[in-house]
Every structure is written in structure tokens, then in C-alpha cells.
Amino acid sequence: MAIQRFQYSLKRQLKLLWQSCRNFDDSNTDVAIQMAVILRIIFHTTKMSTSLLTHLKSEHINLLSTCPEIATGRSSEGIYEGGLTISKRGLWVASLDESSVRRQISFQDWWISDIVCIYSGIKYNRRKIVLDIANKGDGAHVVKKVPNHLEKFIKGHWTVTEHSPNGKVTKIPSSDQNYQYIRQIAYEALHSEELLELVETGFRLKTDREIAEENRNLKDKALAKVQKLYETAIKLSENSQCVESQTIVDMALEELYPLLSTESVELLGLLLLLRANNFGPEEPKKKIEAYEHICKTYEKLFSEIKLQGNNLKIYEEAKIQIKHLNTK
């Protein structure tokens, strides 16, 4: 009976960890603190507390490691980014399914021996990262004084440089570096078959790859809906039903904004252009404001995408219309 109770507890903790990963991926990175506490419950045994893994007499299992082995003789100075990758915006993020390394190693090696990162001469294994955040980073305890090495680790040590169209350079510090490590450690745990098998034979949770595929399918369907709304609005506008067209455009924009990506910027531009064109000559102020909104939108996205093709044409058309209307 005791084993069944521990199996149930492990199943519950893994489900909580899985849900926390979903929240993390929705930009709620502070949930990494909760993830660290869950990982501690599953893996960490002390004289005062016993991990679920120990309760289940399963410290012999193998777990997935996405960290390359550090070459012998490597300096402890500098930074070693095990399990992380550079995103399109220049941020260090958990590599998840993109990791090129997938090693099966013993629990003891995974928890203690495997080095995940090196920062300021300090080697961090998974246990150290998890416990620092769970015990000293406002997780299970709130400490009066945070150790100096942890304070530096929490603050992060990278900056992202953004260049705006007017030439302004902005440096943005990365402050959740340690949380990205927690996300990758959680990924490894949730993709370790021998750990999942401790719950029950065949137990599994949806993988990150499966979730990403589902999200892509949902996004494709949503974008197809927006495309149909745009086509309907075009037909209404061509039939001089501009008020009705404007209503459809507003509906399409409301649907599109949560889905916005580099692939859907052109559709956004087309909708905004149609919205501006729908204002008649008797509404010059609204027309100018609508074209100016197009320009501001593209300028805001300028550091994210390269303006070319139809996007560039839409932007230039808006600039021409603003100039034309202002000379009247």
C-alpha cells in the first residue's frame, strides 16, 4: 500500500510539473520557483526528508541528460550553457526538443555529477540549481540574506541588444537565466521514460513536441479563419459597403493579434491597410490616423522582421498616403 501511495504522489507531482511547464512557456517564468520545489520533492533526499525516488527504492534508474559532457581540463572560469540555446531574439532559453544531446545517465550522475553550467568559477549541477531556487530563491523558504553567488546567478549575466529604426540601441538584461535551467531540467525529467514508468506501466504525459504540433494546428486553423474574414471584408469594401467591411476588419484584427508572428505580419498589414482605405474622403483625420498606425506598427516590428516584399509595399503605401493627405 505504501508503494502505491508513493506512486500516486509521484504521478501528482509529475502532472503539476507538466502544468507548470505549460505556464512557463506562456511567459510566466516565475513559476520556475514552483517547478524547483516539485523537482526537490521528487529527487532530493536528506537526513530530514526523503525524496519520492528514494521512497520508491528507485535511485538506480536512468534519466535523460541534454547536457554535453564537459571536456577534461576545461577551465572553470566563464560560462558553460548546458541544455540551453540562443533564441531568435538573442536570449538564452531552454533548448527542450531542440537539444542535440540526449544521453541516458544514472540518477546519481544526473543529479550530482553532470555539470549543467559554470558561472564565476562555480560549477552548478542540477541539485545545486534546484536547491538554490527552491530553498533560497523564494521557493519553499524565504531567507533573510541571499548568498552572494546565488544573487549574481539570479540577476543573470547576459544582455540583449535591440536596434530601433531611428538608430537607437537598447541593452536589455536577461534576468531569468536560472529559471531557463529549471525549465530544461523539468523537460529532462518529464522525458525520462524510466521515471515515468515508476508511476505505472505505460504512463506518459504529452511531450513538448506533441504540444507544439497541436498549437501549430490550432494556430493554422485560427489564421485560416482570419484570412476568410479578410476576404469577406474585401468583397464588402468593393461593393461600397465600407461600414460593414470595417466591422469585419475589426473582428479579424481581434482574432489575429494574439496569433501575431513574423509569418502573419503581412496579413496584419493588409487588414490595417483595408481599414484605412475604408474611411471615406469626408473623414481625412481618421484616414491619416489609420495610415499612421500602419507605419507605427511596422516600425515597432522593424527590429523583429526584415521589411521586404508585400510588407515593404504596405509600409511605403501608408507613407505615400499620409504625405498625399497632408498636402490637401
C-alpha atoms as a PDB file:
ATOM      1  CA  MET A   1       0.000   0.000   0.000  1.00  0.00           C
ATOM      2  CA  ALA A   2       2.830   2.402   0.826  1.00  0.00           C
ATOM      3  CA  ILE A   3       4.363   1.931  -2.623  1.00  0.00           C
ATOM      4  CA  GLN A   4       1.014   2.672  -4.278  1.00  0.00           C
ATOM      5  CA  ARG A   5       0.698   5.862  -2.224  1.00  0.00           C
ATOM      6  CA  PHE A   6       4.163   6.992  -3.317  1.00  0.00           C
ATOM      7  CA  GLN A   7       3.343   6.122  -6.925  1.00  0.00           C
ATOM      8  CA  TYR A   8       0.217   8.264  -6.682  1.00  0.00           C
ATOM      9  CA  SER A   9       2.259  11.116  -5.165  1.00  0.00           C
ATOM     10  CA  LEU A  10       4.826  10.868  -7.967  1.00  0.00           C
ATOM     11  CA  LYS A  11       2.057  10.911 -10.576  1.00  0.00           C
ATOM     12  CA  ARG A  12       0.559  14.022  -8.987  1.00  0.00           C
ATOM     13  CA  GLN A  13       3.922  15.814  -8.778  1.00  0.00           C
ATOM     14  CA  LEU A  14       4.754  14.983 -12.408  1.00  0.00           C
ATOM     15  CA  LYS A  15       1.384  16.335 -13.527  1.00  0.00           C
ATOM     16  CA  LEU A  16       1.974  19.522 -11.519  1.00  0.00           C
ATOM     17  CA  LEU A  17       5.423  19.822 -13.081  1.00  0.00           C
ATOM     18  CA  TRP A  18       3.942  19.316 -16.556  1.00  0.00           C
ATOM     19  CA  GLN A  19       1.323  22.029 -15.969  1.00  0.00           C
ATOM     20  CA  SER A  20       3.970  24.389 -14.571  1.00  0.00           C
ATOM     21  CA  CYS A  21       5.977  23.916 -17.769  1.00  0.00           C
ATOM     22  CA  ARG A  22       2.924  24.974 -19.789  1.00  0.00           C
ATOM     23  CA  ASN A  23       2.594  28.110 -17.645  1.00  0.00           C
ATOM     24  CA  PHE A  24       6.316  28.808 -18.006  1.00  0.00           C
ATOM     25  CA  ASP A  25       6.061  28.539 -21.788  1.00  0.00           C
ATOM     26  CA  ASP A  26       3.218  31.079 -21.682  1.00  0.00           C
ATOM     27  CA  SER A  27       5.782  33.624 -20.386  1.00  0.00           C
ATOM     28  CA  ASN A  28       5.006  33.076 -16.685  1.00  0.00           C
ATOM     29  CA  THR A  29       8.658  32.340 -15.892  1.00  0.00           C
ATOM     30  CA  ASP A  30       8.269  32.921 -12.132  1.00  0.00           C
ATOM     31  CA  VAL A  31       6.537  29.539 -11.972  1.00  0.00           C
ATOM     32  CA  ALA A  32      10.061  28.077 -12.208  1.00  0.00           C
ATOM     33  CA  ILE A  33      10.228  28.559  -8.426  1.00  0.00           C
ATOM     34  CA  GLN A  34       7.327  26.126  -8.038  1.00  0.00           C
ATOM     35  CA  MET A  35       8.977  23.779 -10.542  1.00  0.00           C
ATOM     36  CA  ALA A  36      12.145  23.755  -8.436  1.00  0.00           C
ATOM     37  CA  VAL A  37      10.150  22.785  -5.335  1.00  0.00           C
ATOM     38  CA  ILE A  38       8.489  19.913  -7.230  1.00  0.00           C
ATOM     39  CA  LEU A  39      11.864  18.682  -8.509  1.00  0.00           C
ATOM     40  CA  ARG A  40      13.198  18.780  -4.957  1.00  0.00           C
ATOM     41  CA  ILE A  41      10.267  16.667  -3.722  1.00  0.00           C
ATOM     42  CA  ILE A  42      10.896  14.064  -6.418  1.00  0.00           C
ATOM     43  CA  PHE A  43      14.692  13.847  -6.287  1.00  0.00           C
ATOM     44  CA  HIS A  44      16.272  15.294  -3.117  1.00  0.00           C
ATOM     45  CA  THR A  45      16.884  13.179  -0.023  1.00  0.00           C
ATOM     46  CA  THR A  46      18.414  14.478   3.220  1.00  0.00           C
ATOM     47  CA  LYS A  47      18.616  13.301   6.840  1.00  0.00           C
ATOM     48  CA  MET A  48      15.425  15.261   7.479  1.00  0.00           C
ATOM     49  CA  SER A  49      13.396  14.387   4.369  1.00  0.00           C
ATOM     50  CA  THR A  50      13.067  11.554   1.867  1.00  0.00           C
ATOM     51  CA  SER A  51      12.516  12.017  -1.850  1.00  0.00           C
ATOM     52  CA  LEU A  52       9.798  10.184  -3.742  1.00  0.00           C
ATOM     53  CA  LEU A  53      12.511   8.453  -5.744  1.00  0.00           C
ATOM     54  CA  THR A  54      14.021   7.069  -2.531  1.00  0.00           C
ATOM     55  CA  HIS A  55      10.603   6.086  -1.163  1.00  0.00           C
ATOM     56  CA  LEU A  56      10.073   4.092  -4.356  1.00  0.00           C
ATOM     57  CA  LYS A  57      13.520   2.462  -3.957  1.00  0.00           C
ATOM     58  CA  SER A  58      14.381   3.615  -7.460  1.00  0.00           C
ATOM     59  CA  GLU A  59      17.584   5.636  -7.203  1.00  0.00           C
ATOM     60  CA  HIS A  60      19.098   3.177  -9.683  1.00  0.00           C
ATOM     61  CA  ILE A  61      17.075   4.452 -12.673  1.00  0.00           C
ATOM     62  CA  ASN A  62      18.489   6.321 -15.661  1.00  0.00           C
ATOM     63  CA  LEU A  63      17.375   9.831 -16.593  1.00  0.00           C
ATOM     64  CA  LEU A  64      17.642  11.936 -19.733  1.00  0.00           C
ATOM     65  CA  SER A  65      20.503  14.445 -19.892  1.00  0.00           C
ATOM     66  CA  THR A  66      20.581  17.097 -22.617  1.00  0.00           C
ATOM     67  CA  CYS A  67      23.913  18.497 -21.425  1.00  0.00           C
ATOM     68  CA  PRO A  68      27.151  17.694 -23.264  1.00  0.00           C
ATOM     69  CA  GLU A  69      29.921  16.314 -21.114  1.00  0.00           C
ATOM     70  CA  ILE A  70      32.491  18.957 -20.181  1.00  0.00           C
ATOM     71  CA  ALA A  71      35.829  18.207 -21.772  1.00  0.00           C
ATOM     72  CA  THR A  72      38.622  17.267 -19.379  1.00  0.00           C
ATOM     73  CA  GLY A  73      40.776  20.238 -18.495  1.00  0.00           C
ATOM     74  CA  ARG A  74      38.107  22.805 -19.310  1.00  0.00           C
ATOM     75  CA  SER A  75      38.580  25.989 -17.324  1.00  0.00           C
ATOM     76  CA  SER A  76      36.055  26.585 -14.579  1.00  0.00           C
ATOM     77  CA  GLU A  77      36.024  30.270 -15.484  1.00  0.00           C
ATOM     78  CA  GLY A  78      33.482  31.601 -17.900  1.00  0.00           C
ATOM     79  CA  ILE A  79      30.130  30.178 -18.816  1.00  0.00           C
ATOM     80  CA  TYR A  80      29.020  26.761 -19.950  1.00  0.00           C
ATOM     81  CA  GLU A  81      25.454  26.620 -21.258  1.00  0.00           C
ATOM     82  CA  GLY A  82      24.351  23.016 -20.857  1.00  0.00           C
ATOM     83  CA  GLY A  83      20.872  22.396 -22.245  1.00  0.00           C
ATOM     84  CA  LEU A  84      20.236  25.974 -23.367  1.00  0.00           C
ATOM     85  CA  THR A  85      20.164  27.551 -26.811  1.00  0.00           C
ATOM     86  CA  ILE A  86      20.042  31.036 -28.337  1.00  0.00           C
ATOM     87  CA  SER A  87      16.572  32.170 -29.413  1.00  0.00           C
ATOM     88  CA  LYS A  88      15.825  34.338 -32.457  1.00  0.00           C
ATOM     89  CA  ARG A  89      15.832  37.410 -30.193  1.00  0.00           C
ATOM     90  CA  GLY A  90      19.265  36.605 -28.782  1.00  0.00           C
ATOM     91  CA  LEU A  91      18.021  35.285 -25.443  1.00  0.00           C
ATOM     92  CA  TRP A  92      19.305  32.154 -23.751  1.00  0.00           C
ATOM     93  CA  VAL A  93      16.337  29.768 -23.490  1.00  0.00           C
ATOM     94  CA  ALA A  94      15.762  26.119 -22.634  1.00  0.00           C
ATOM     95  CA  SER A  95      16.504  24.049 -25.728  1.00  0.00           C
ATOM     96  CA  LEU A  96      13.791  21.438 -24.998  1.00  0.00           C
ATOM     97  CA  ASP A  97      13.321  19.256 -28.107  1.00  0.00           C
ATOM     98  CA  GLU A  98      15.986  21.219 -29.992  1.00  0.00           C
ATOM     99  CA  SER A  99      18.817  19.819 -27.894  1.00  0.00           C
ATOM    100  CA  SER A 100      21.313  17.861 -29.989  1.00  0.00           C
ATOM    101  CA  VAL A 101      22.429  15.893 -26.913  1.00  0.00           C
ATOM    102  CA  ARG A 102      20.229  13.135 -25.472  1.00  0.00           C
ATOM    103  CA  ARG A 103      22.173  10.916 -23.057  1.00  0.00           C
ATOM    104  CA  GLN A 104      20.756   8.331 -20.663  1.00  0.00           C
ATOM    105  CA  ILE A 105      22.742   8.503 -17.426  1.00  0.00           C
ATOM    106  CA  SER A 106      22.302   7.169 -13.899  1.00  0.00           C
ATOM    107  CA  PHE A 107      20.279   9.221 -11.415  1.00  0.00           C
ATOM    108  CA  GLN A 108      23.359   9.955  -9.284  1.00  0.00           C
ATOM    109  CA  ASP A 109      25.266  11.216 -12.321  1.00  0.00           C
ATOM    110  CA  TRP A 110      22.243  13.228 -13.481  1.00  0.00           C
ATOM    111  CA  TRP A 111      21.564  14.817 -10.091  1.00  0.00           C
ATOM    112  CA  ILE A 112      25.126  15.360  -8.850  1.00  0.00           C
ATOM    113  CA  SER A 113      27.961  14.601 -11.305  1.00  0.00           C
ATOM    114  CA  ASP A 114      26.625  16.120 -14.532  1.00  0.00           C
ATOM    115  CA  ILE A 115      27.644  19.802 -14.710  1.00  0.00           C
ATOM    116  CA  VAL A 116      24.907  21.993 -16.157  1.00  0.00           C
ATOM    117  CA  CYS A 117      26.683  25.344 -16.084  1.00  0.00           C
ATOM    118  CA  ILE A 118      29.743  27.139 -14.773  1.00  0.00           C
ATOM    119  CA  TYR A 119      29.392  30.723 -13.604  1.00  0.00           C
ATOM    120  CA  SER A 120      32.008  32.852 -11.832  1.00  0.00           C
ATOM    121  CA  GLY A 121      34.104  29.767 -11.211  1.00  0.00           C
ATOM    122  CA  ILE A 122      31.250  27.865  -9.552  1.00  0.00           C
ATOM    123  CA  LYS A 123      30.108  24.582 -11.066  1.00  0.00           C
ATOM    124  CA  TYR A 124      26.368  24.048 -10.992  1.00  0.00           C
ATOM    125  CA  ASN A 125      24.888  20.575 -11.121  1.00  0.00           C
ATOM    126  CA  ARG A 126      21.138  20.020 -11.235  1.00  0.00           C
ATOM    127  CA  ARG A 127      20.893  19.559  -7.482  1.00  0.00           C
ATOM    128  CA  LYS A 128      22.582  22.890  -6.775  1.00  0.00           C
ATOM    129  CA  ILE A 129      20.412  24.813  -9.241  1.00  0.00           C
ATOM    130  CA  VAL A 130      17.191  23.219  -7.965  1.00  0.00           C
ATOM    131  CA  LEU A 131      18.014  23.636  -4.265  1.00  0.00           C
ATOM    132  CA  ASP A 132      19.292  27.200  -4.618  1.00  0.00           C
ATOM    133  CA  ILE A 133      15.999  28.253  -6.177  1.00  0.00           C
ATOM    134  CA  ALA A 134      13.702  26.043  -4.074  1.00  0.00           C
ATOM    135  CA  ASN A 135      15.385  26.782  -0.733  1.00  0.00           C
ATOM    136  CA  LYS A 136      16.850  30.263  -1.170  1.00  0.00           C
ATOM    137  CA  GLY A 137      15.081  31.826  -4.132  1.00  0.00           C
ATOM    138  CA  ASP A 138      11.635  32.351  -2.509  1.00  0.00           C
ATOM    139  CA  GLY A 139      10.585  28.763  -3.154  1.00  0.00           C
ATOM    140  CA  ALA A 140       9.908  26.600  -0.091  1.00  0.00           C
ATOM    141  CA  HIS A 141      11.730  29.130   2.137  1.00  0.00           C
ATOM    142  CA  VAL A 142      12.269  32.887   2.157  1.00  0.00           C
ATOM    143  CA  VAL A 143      15.731  33.613   3.518  1.00  0.00           C
ATOM    144  CA  LYS A 144      16.809  36.902   5.081  1.00  0.00           C
ATOM    145  CA  LYS A 145      20.084  37.053   3.166  1.00  0.00           C
ATOM    146  CA  VAL A 146      20.621  35.501  -0.246  1.00  0.00           C
ATOM    147  CA  PRO A 147      24.128  34.057  -0.749  1.00  0.00           C
ATOM    148  CA  ASN A 148      26.316  36.233  -2.965  1.00  0.00           C
ATOM    149  CA  HIS A 149      26.787  33.577  -5.668  1.00  0.00           C
ATOM    150  CA  LEU A 150      23.020  32.984  -5.865  1.00  0.00           C
ATOM    151  CA  GLU A 151      22.238  36.698  -6.037  1.00  0.00           C
ATOM    152  CA  LYS A 152      24.572  37.020  -9.032  1.00  0.00           C
ATOM    153  CA  PHE A 153      23.109  33.914 -10.618  1.00  0.00           C
ATOM    154  CA  ILE A 154      19.543  35.236 -10.248  1.00  0.00           C
ATOM    155  CA  LYS A 155      20.436  38.627 -11.717  1.00  0.00           C
ATOM    156  CA  GLY A 156      21.799  36.973 -14.848  1.00  0.00           C
ATOM    157  CA  HIS A 157      24.823  37.904 -16.900  1.00  0.00           C
ATOM    158  CA  TRP A 158      23.637  38.482 -20.492  1.00  0.00           C
ATOM    159  CA  THR A 159      22.157  41.465 -22.290  1.00  0.00           C
ATOM    160  CA  VAL A 160      20.055  41.591 -25.431  1.00  0.00           C
ATOM    161  CA  THR A 161      20.814  44.483 -27.776  1.00  0.00           C
ATOM    162  CA  GLU A 162      17.910  45.895 -29.795  1.00  0.00           C
ATOM    163  CA  HIS A 163      18.296  48.348 -32.684  1.00  0.00           C
ATOM    164  CA  SER A 164      15.283  50.557 -33.483  1.00  0.00           C
ATOM    165  CA  PRO A 165      14.658  52.152 -36.926  1.00  0.00           C
ATOM    166  CA  ASN A 166      15.861  55.550 -35.642  1.00  0.00           C
ATOM    167  CA  GLY A 167      19.250  54.098 -34.755  1.00  0.00           C
ATOM    168  CA  LYS A 168      18.667  53.904 -31.005  1.00  0.00           C
ATOM    169  CA  VAL A 169      20.471  51.000 -29.319  1.00  0.00           C
ATOM    170  CA  THR A 170      18.875  49.438 -26.233  1.00  0.00           C
ATOM    171  CA  LYS A 171      20.545  46.855 -23.993  1.00  0.00           C
ATOM    172  CA  ILE A 172      18.098  44.592 -22.144  1.00  0.00           C
ATOM    173  CA  PRO A 173      19.463  42.463 -19.270  1.00  0.00           C
ATOM    174  CA  SER A 174      18.494  38.803 -19.050  1.00  0.00           C
ATOM    175  CA  SER A 175      17.245  38.188 -15.511  1.00  0.00           C
ATOM    176  CA  ASP A 176      15.695  34.713 -15.593  1.00  0.00           C
ATOM    177  CA  GLN A 177      18.711  32.687 -16.675  1.00  0.00           C
ATOM    178  CA  ASN A 178      18.434  30.309 -13.733  1.00  0.00           C
ATOM    179  CA  TYR A 179      14.751  29.752 -14.496  1.00  0.00           C
ATOM    180  CA  GLN A 180      15.636  28.602 -18.013  1.00  0.00           C
ATOM    181  CA  TYR A 181      17.856  25.929 -16.464  1.00  0.00           C
ATOM    182  CA  ILE A 182      14.955  24.805 -14.275  1.00  0.00           C
ATOM    183  CA  ARG A 183      12.727  24.582 -17.368  1.00  0.00           C
ATOM    184  CA  GLN A 184      15.272  22.351 -19.111  1.00  0.00           C
ATOM    185  CA  ILE A 185      15.732  20.148 -16.038  1.00  0.00           C
ATOM    186  CA  ALA A 186      11.950  19.748 -15.848  1.00  0.00           C
ATOM    187  CA  TYR A 187      11.914  18.831 -19.538  1.00  0.00           C
ATOM    188  CA  GLU A 188      14.522  16.133 -18.920  1.00  0.00           C
ATOM    189  CA  ALA A 189      12.555  14.684 -16.006  1.00  0.00           C
ATOM    190  CA  LEU A 190       9.286  14.615 -17.956  1.00  0.00           C
ATOM    191  CA  HIS A 191      11.015  12.907 -20.901  1.00  0.00           C
ATOM    192  CA  SER A 192      12.775  10.252 -18.793  1.00  0.00           C
ATOM    193  CA  GLU A 193      10.927   7.019 -19.537  1.00  0.00           C
ATOM    194  CA  GLU A 194      12.257   5.124 -16.527  1.00  0.00           C
ATOM    195  CA  LEU A 195      10.951   7.842 -14.192  1.00  0.00           C
ATOM    196  CA  LEU A 196       7.500   7.819 -15.804  1.00  0.00           C
ATOM    197  CA  GLU A 197       7.376   4.014 -15.621  1.00  0.00           C
ATOM    198  CA  LEU A 198       7.618   4.249 -11.811  1.00  0.00           C
ATOM    199  CA  VAL A 199       4.076   5.638 -11.769  1.00  0.00           C
ATOM    200  CA  GLU A 200       2.618   2.759 -13.771  1.00  0.00           C
ATOM    201  CA  THR A 201       3.474   0.811 -16.894  1.00  0.00           C
ATOM    202  CA  GLY A 202       2.750   2.896 -19.966  1.00  0.00           C
ATOM    203  CA  PHE A 203       2.225   6.143 -18.031  1.00  0.00           C
ATOM    204  CA  ARG A 204       3.054   9.175 -20.144  1.00  0.00           C
ATOM    205  CA  LEU A 205       2.307  12.863 -20.480  1.00  0.00           C
ATOM    206  CA  LYS A 206       2.051  14.825 -23.691  1.00  0.00           C
ATOM    207  CA  THR A 207       5.549  15.698 -24.869  1.00  0.00           C
ATOM    208  CA  ASP A 208       6.660  19.221 -25.740  1.00  0.00           C
ATOM    209  CA  ARG A 209       6.827  18.178 -29.383  1.00  0.00           C
ATOM    210  CA  GLU A 210       3.215  16.937 -29.335  1.00  0.00           C
ATOM    211  CA  ILE A 211       2.029  20.117 -27.643  1.00  0.00           C
ATOM    212  CA  ALA A 212       3.904  22.265 -30.153  1.00  0.00           C
ATOM    213  CA  GLU A 213       2.288  20.326 -33.019  1.00  0.00           C
ATOM    214  CA  GLU A 214      -1.180  20.793 -31.510  1.00  0.00           C
ATOM    215  CA  ASN A 215      -0.522  24.505 -31.050  1.00  0.00           C
ATOM    216  CA  ARG A 216       0.633  24.815 -34.669  1.00  0.00           C
ATOM    217  CA  ASN A 217      -2.539  23.110 -35.894  1.00  0.00           C
ATOM    218  CA  LEU A 218      -4.741  25.368 -33.773  1.00  0.00           C
ATOM    219  CA  LYS A 219      -2.841  28.433 -34.960  1.00  0.00           C
ATOM    220  CA  ASP A 220      -3.151  27.389 -38.611  1.00  0.00           C
ATOM    221  CA  LYS A 221      -6.926  26.989 -38.207  1.00  0.00           C
ATOM    222  CA  ALA A 222      -7.201  30.375 -36.485  1.00  0.00           C
ATOM    223  CA  LEU A 223      -5.153  32.086 -39.220  1.00  0.00           C
ATOM    224  CA  ALA A 224      -7.322  30.458 -41.896  1.00  0.00           C
ATOM    225  CA  LYS A 225     -10.366  31.948 -40.160  1.00  0.00           C
ATOM    226  CA  VAL A 226      -8.750  35.416 -40.167  1.00  0.00           C
ATOM    227  CA  GLN A 227      -7.892  35.025 -43.863  1.00  0.00           C
ATOM    228  CA  LYS A 228     -11.551  34.260 -44.663  1.00  0.00           C
ATOM    229  CA  LEU A 229     -12.672  37.306 -42.669  1.00  0.00           C
ATOM    230  CA  TYR A 230     -10.228  39.454 -44.653  1.00  0.00           C
ATOM    231  CA  GLU A 231     -11.568  38.110 -47.961  1.00  0.00           C
ATOM    232  CA  THR A 232     -15.138  38.846 -46.830  1.00  0.00           C
ATOM    233  CA  ALA A 233     -14.156  42.382 -45.812  1.00  0.00           C
ATOM    234  CA  ILE A 234     -12.523  42.957 -49.218  1.00  0.00           C
ATOM    235  CA  LYS A 235     -15.710  41.946 -51.056  1.00  0.00           C
ATOM    236  CA  LEU A 236     -17.831  44.230 -48.879  1.00  0.00           C
ATOM    237  CA  SER A 237     -15.454  47.130 -49.490  1.00  0.00           C
ATOM    238  CA  GLU A 238     -15.518  46.540 -53.254  1.00  0.00           C
ATOM    239  CA  ASN A 239     -19.335  46.727 -53.082  1.00  0.00           C
ATOM    240  CA  SER A 240     -19.096  50.089 -51.272  1.00  0.00           C
ATOM    241  CA  GLN A 241     -20.251  48.513 -48.018  1.00  0.00           C
ATOM    242  CA  CYS A 242     -17.386  50.129 -46.102  1.00  0.00           C
ATOM    243  CA  VAL A 243     -19.104  50.263 -42.703  1.00  0.00           C
ATOM    244  CA  GLU A 244     -19.850  46.527 -42.834  1.00  0.00           C
ATOM    245  CA  SER A 245     -16.321  45.874 -44.111  1.00  0.00           C
ATOM    246  CA  GLN A 246     -14.882  47.845 -41.190  1.00  0.00           C
ATOM    247  CA  THR A 247     -16.803  45.688 -38.714  1.00  0.00           C
ATOM    248  CA  ILE A 248     -15.363  42.517 -40.264  1.00  0.00           C
ATOM    249  CA  VAL A 249     -11.845  44.019 -40.265  1.00  0.00           C
ATOM    250  CA  ASP A 250     -12.122  44.797 -36.542  1.00  0.00           C
ATOM    251  CA  MET A 251     -13.237  41.204 -35.884  1.00  0.00           C
ATOM    252  CA  ALA A 252     -10.305  39.861 -37.903  1.00  0.00           C
ATOM    253  CA  LEU A 253      -7.792  42.076 -36.083  1.00  0.00           C
ATOM    254  CA  GLU A 254      -9.121  40.940 -32.709  1.00  0.00           C
ATOM    255  CA  GLU A 255      -8.576  37.329 -33.782  1.00  0.00           C
ATOM    256  CA  LEU A 256      -5.155  37.989 -35.310  1.00  0.00           C
ATOM    257  CA  TYR A 257      -3.309  39.969 -32.625  1.00  0.00           C
ATOM    258  CA  PRO A 258      -2.885  37.004 -30.208  1.00  0.00           C
ATOM    259  CA  LEU A 259      -1.512  34.936 -33.118  1.00  0.00           C
ATOM    260  CA  LEU A 260       0.880  37.556 -34.431  1.00  0.00           C
ATOM    261  CA  SER A 261       4.227  36.243 -35.676  1.00  0.00           C
ATOM    262  CA  THR A 262       6.649  37.019 -38.486  1.00  0.00           C
ATOM    263  CA  GLU A 263       4.574  34.768 -40.752  1.00  0.00           C
ATOM    264  CA  SER A 264       1.320  36.661 -40.113  1.00  0.00           C
ATOM    265  CA  VAL A 265       2.620  40.247 -40.218  1.00  0.00           C
ATOM    266  CA  GLU A 266       1.665  40.586 -43.882  1.00  0.00           C
ATOM    267  CA  LEU A 267      -1.954  39.646 -43.131  1.00  0.00           C
ATOM    268  CA  LEU A 268      -1.940  42.215 -40.324  1.00  0.00           C
ATOM    269  CA  GLY A 269      -0.662  44.861 -42.735  1.00  0.00           C
ATOM    270  CA  LEU A 270      -3.326  44.027 -45.320  1.00  0.00           C
ATOM    271  CA  LEU A 271      -6.086  44.310 -42.720  1.00  0.00           C
ATOM    272  CA  LEU A 272      -4.783  47.632 -41.429  1.00  0.00           C
ATOM    273  CA  LEU A 273      -4.469  48.947 -44.988  1.00  0.00           C
ATOM    274  CA  LEU A 274      -8.045  47.914 -45.775  1.00  0.00           C
ATOM    275  CA  ARG A 275      -9.180  49.585 -42.564  1.00  0.00           C
ATOM    276  CA  ALA A 276      -7.510  52.847 -43.613  1.00  0.00           C
ATOM    277  CA  ASN A 277      -8.890  52.641 -47.156  1.00  0.00           C
ATOM    278  CA  ASN A 278     -12.427  52.128 -45.833  1.00  0.00           C
ATOM    279  CA  PHE A 279     -12.509  55.646 -44.417  1.00  0.00           C
ATOM    280  CA  GLY A 280     -14.045  57.972 -46.975  1.00  0.00           C
ATOM    281  CA  PRO A 281     -12.741  61.377 -48.177  1.00  0.00           C
ATOM    282  CA  GLU A 282     -15.102  63.031 -45.693  1.00  0.00           C
ATOM    283  CA  GLU A 283     -13.043  61.533 -42.837  1.00  0.00           C
ATOM    284  CA  PRO A 284      -9.480  62.703 -43.628  1.00  0.00           C
ATOM    285  CA  LYS A 285      -8.357  62.819 -39.994  1.00  0.00           C
ATOM    286  CA  LYS A 286      -9.383  59.203 -39.309  1.00  0.00           C
ATOM    287  CA  LYS A 287      -7.819  58.152 -42.603  1.00  0.00           C
ATOM    288  CA  ILE A 288      -4.473  59.774 -41.733  1.00  0.00           C
ATOM    289  CA  GLU A 289      -4.532  58.258 -38.232  1.00  0.00           C
ATOM    290  CA  ALA A 290      -5.180  54.814 -39.715  1.00  0.00           C
ATOM    291  CA  TYR A 291      -2.226  55.112 -42.120  1.00  0.00           C
ATOM    292  CA  GLU A 292      -0.006  56.448 -39.317  1.00  0.00           C
ATOM    293  CA  HIS A 293      -0.996  53.416 -37.237  1.00  0.00           C
ATOM    294  CA  ILE A 294       0.277  51.171 -40.041  1.00  0.00           C
ATOM    295  CA  CYS A 295       3.644  52.935 -40.063  1.00  0.00           C
ATOM    296  CA  LYS A 296       3.991  52.833 -36.278  1.00  0.00           C
ATOM    297  CA  THR A 297       3.086  49.142 -36.220  1.00  0.00           C
ATOM    298  CA  TYR A 298       5.726  48.257 -38.801  1.00  0.00           C
ATOM    299  CA  GLU A 299       8.341  50.451 -37.130  1.00  0.00           C
ATOM    300  CA  LYS A 300       7.670  48.702 -33.834  1.00  0.00           C
ATOM    301  CA  LEU A 301       8.172  45.337 -35.527  1.00  0.00           C
ATOM    302  CA  PHE A 302      11.154  46.533 -37.546  1.00  0.00           C
ATOM    303  CA  SER A 303      13.717  45.002 -35.179  1.00  0.00           C
ATOM    304  CA  GLU A 304      11.797  41.712 -35.261  1.00  0.00           C
ATOM    305  CA  ILE A 305      11.401  41.286 -39.021  1.00  0.00           C
ATOM    306  CA  LYS A 306      13.081  42.427 -42.201  1.00  0.00           C
ATOM    307  CA  LEU A 307      10.701  44.584 -44.202  1.00  0.00           C
ATOM    308  CA  GLN A 308      10.525  43.223 -47.698  1.00  0.00           C
ATOM    309  CA  GLY A 309       8.022  42.057 -50.304  1.00  0.00           C
ATOM    310  CA  ASN A 310       4.404  42.938 -49.587  1.00  0.00           C
ATOM    311  CA  ASN A 311       5.225  44.148 -46.072  1.00  0.00           C
ATOM    312  CA  LEU A 312       7.522  46.798 -47.515  1.00  0.00           C
ATOM    313  CA  LYS A 313       4.908  47.742 -50.130  1.00  0.00           C
ATOM    314  CA  ILE A 314       2.226  48.178 -47.454  1.00  0.00           C
ATOM    315  CA  TYR A 315       4.540  50.335 -45.337  1.00  0.00           C
ATOM    316  CA  GLU A 316       5.525  52.520 -48.304  1.00  0.00           C
ATOM    317  CA  GLU A 317       1.883  52.826 -49.441  1.00  0.00           C
ATOM    318  CA  ALA A 318       0.921  54.107 -45.993  1.00  0.00           C
ATOM    319  CA  LYS A 319       3.752  56.681 -46.050  1.00  0.00           C
ATOM    320  CA  ILE A 320       2.667  57.883 -49.516  1.00  0.00           C
ATOM    321  CA  GLN A 321      -0.968  58.220 -48.437  1.00  0.00           C
ATOM    322  CA  ILE A 322      -0.018  60.213 -45.328  1.00  0.00           C
ATOM    323  CA  LYS A 323       2.056  62.606 -47.413  1.00  0.00           C
ATOM    324  CA  HIS A 324      -0.718  62.922 -50.015  1.00  0.00           C
ATOM    325  CA  LEU A 325      -3.453  63.594 -47.442  1.00  0.00           C
ATOM    326  CA  ASN A 326      -1.345  66.133 -45.558  1.00  0.00           C
ATOM    327  CA  THR A 327      -0.783  68.192 -48.723  1.00  0.00           C
ATOM    328  CA  LYS A 328      -4.511  68.568 -49.401  1.00  0.00           C
END
